[in-house]
């Protein structure tokens, strides 16, 4: 059984950020088009569940995963 990837903390310098913005900010994806496709196709999870809302407001402590990387929204 493979061990899950470690969680990287990504400080956003605020209270919240939208999912689409966070994917680019954290370096998981490079362009808005890639973000839109990955989210719509169900490749992105938030706190372990697929979320297809690019505009979802993330909160501090939320963990976003894409292609084996896991990043946590931190202050």
C-alpha atoms as a PDB file:
ATOM      1  CA  UNK A   1       0.000   0.000   0.000  1.00  0.00           C
ATOM      2  CA  UNK A   2       1.376   3.415  -0.930  1.00  0.00           C
ATOM      3  CA  UNK A   3       1.631   6.156   1.626  1.00  0.00           C
ATOM      4  CA  UNK A   4      -0.327   9.344   0.862  1.00  0.00           C
ATOM      5  CA  UNK A   5       1.732  12.350  -0.152  1.00  0.00           C
ATOM      6  CA  UNK A   6       2.730  14.682   2.650  1.00  0.00           C
ATOM      7  CA  UNK A   7       0.613  17.795   3.005  1.00  0.00           C
ATOM      8  CA  UNK A   8       2.326  21.039   2.032  1.00  0.00           C
ATOM      9  CA  UNK A   9       1.171  24.230   3.742  1.00  0.00           C
ATOM     10  CA  UNK A  10       0.553  27.124   1.352  1.00  0.00           C
ATOM     11  CA  UNK A  11       0.117  30.476   3.120  1.00  0.00           C
ATOM     12  CA  UNK A  12      -2.462  32.680   1.414  1.00  0.00           C
ATOM     13  CA  UNK A  13      -2.037  35.746   3.624  1.00  0.00           C
ATOM     14  CA  UNK A  14      -5.749  36.074   4.298  1.00  0.00           C
ATOM     15  CA  UNK A  15      -8.933  34.377   5.431  1.00  0.00           C
ATOM     16  CA  UNK A  16     -10.045  32.593   2.282  1.00  0.00           C
ATOM     17  CA  UNK A  17      -9.429  32.037  -1.423  1.00  0.00           C
ATOM     18  CA  UNK A  18     -11.398  30.502  -4.274  1.00  0.00           C
ATOM     19  CA  UNK A  19     -10.516  26.970  -5.386  1.00  0.00           C
ATOM     20  CA  UNK A  20      -9.529  27.978  -8.927  1.00  0.00           C
ATOM     21  CA  UNK A  21      -7.263  30.762  -7.671  1.00  0.00           C
ATOM     22  CA  UNK A  22      -5.677  28.502  -5.061  1.00  0.00           C
ATOM     23  CA  UNK A  23      -4.766  25.788  -7.584  1.00  0.00           C
ATOM     24  CA  UNK A  24      -2.724  28.338  -9.553  1.00  0.00           C
ATOM     25  CA  UNK A  25      -1.358  30.128  -6.455  1.00  0.00           C
ATOM     26  CA  UNK A  26      -0.128  26.831  -4.962  1.00  0.00           C
ATOM     27  CA  UNK A  27       1.533  25.870  -8.262  1.00  0.00           C
ATOM     28  CA  UNK A  28      -0.624  22.796  -8.847  1.00  0.00           C
ATOM     29  CA  UNK A  29      -1.747  24.106 -12.256  1.00  0.00           C
ATOM     30  CA  UNK A  30      -0.426  26.862 -14.504  1.00  0.00           C
ATOM     31  CA  UNK A  31      -3.383  28.316 -16.391  1.00  0.00           C
ATOM     32  CA  UNK A  32      -7.013  29.136 -15.833  1.00  0.00           C
ATOM     33  CA  UNK A  33      -7.957  26.790 -18.658  1.00  0.00           C
ATOM     34  CA  UNK A  34      -6.131  23.887 -17.032  1.00  0.00           C
ATOM     35  CA  UNK A  35      -7.785  24.698 -13.701  1.00  0.00           C
ATOM     36  CA  UNK A  36     -11.252  24.740 -15.258  1.00  0.00           C
ATOM     37  CA  UNK A  37     -10.710  21.393 -17.019  1.00  0.00           C
ATOM     38  CA  UNK A  38      -9.228  19.639 -13.979  1.00  0.00           C
ATOM     39  CA  UNK A  39     -12.089  20.777 -11.736  1.00  0.00           C
ATOM     40  CA  UNK A  40     -14.878  19.984 -14.218  1.00  0.00           C
ATOM     41  CA  UNK A  41     -13.367  16.548 -14.952  1.00  0.00           C
ATOM     42  CA  UNK A  42     -13.341  15.715 -11.223  1.00  0.00           C
ATOM     43  CA  UNK A  43      -9.564  15.484 -10.757  1.00  0.00           C
ATOM     44  CA  UNK A  44      -9.467  17.915  -7.819  1.00  0.00           C
ATOM     45  CA  UNK A  45     -10.511  17.045  -4.278  1.00  0.00           C
ATOM     46  CA  UNK A  46     -11.133  19.285  -1.302  1.00  0.00           C
ATOM     47  CA  UNK A  47     -10.871  17.582   2.086  1.00  0.00           C
ATOM     48  CA  UNK A  48     -10.997  14.184   0.353  1.00  0.00           C
ATOM     49  CA  UNK A  49     -14.109  14.830  -1.756  1.00  0.00           C
ATOM     50  CA  UNK A  50     -14.367  15.749  -5.444  1.00  0.00           C
ATOM     51  CA  UNK A  51     -15.528  19.343  -5.852  1.00  0.00           C
ATOM     52  CA  UNK A  52     -16.474  20.657  -9.287  1.00  0.00           C
ATOM     53  CA  UNK A  53     -17.001  24.294  -8.231  1.00  0.00           C
ATOM     54  CA  UNK A  54     -14.130  26.485  -9.372  1.00  0.00           C
ATOM     55  CA  UNK A  55     -15.533  29.363  -7.317  1.00  0.00           C
ATOM     56  CA  UNK A  56     -15.769  27.367  -4.087  1.00  0.00           C
ATOM     57  CA  UNK A  57     -14.532  29.500  -1.216  1.00  0.00           C
ATOM     58  CA  UNK A  58     -11.766  27.639   0.612  1.00  0.00           C
ATOM     59  CA  UNK A  59     -11.162  28.211   4.300  1.00  0.00           C
ATOM     60  CA  UNK A  60      -7.996  27.985   6.363  1.00  0.00           C
ATOM     61  CA  UNK A  61      -7.184  24.318   6.984  1.00  0.00           C
ATOM     62  CA  UNK A  62      -8.843  22.963   3.821  1.00  0.00           C
ATOM     63  CA  UNK A  63      -6.706  20.366   2.010  1.00  0.00           C
ATOM     64  CA  UNK A  64      -6.739  20.411  -1.797  1.00  0.00           C
ATOM     65  CA  UNK A  65      -5.345  17.467  -3.770  1.00  0.00           C
ATOM     66  CA  UNK A  66      -4.457  17.102  -7.438  1.00  0.00           C
ATOM     67  CA  UNK A  67      -2.267  14.488  -9.181  1.00  0.00           C
ATOM     68  CA  UNK A  68      -0.768  13.115  -5.991  1.00  0.00           C
ATOM     69  CA  UNK A  69       0.044  16.464  -4.372  1.00  0.00           C
ATOM     70  CA  UNK A  70      -1.817  17.663  -1.283  1.00  0.00           C
ATOM     71  CA  UNK A  71      -1.728  21.276  -0.165  1.00  0.00           C
ATOM     72  CA  UNK A  72      -3.359  22.901   2.855  1.00  0.00           C
ATOM     73  CA  UNK A  73      -4.677  26.468   2.920  1.00  0.00           C
ATOM     74  CA  UNK A  74      -2.764  28.187   5.712  1.00  0.00           C
ATOM     75  CA  UNK A  75      -2.684  31.771   7.021  1.00  0.00           C
END
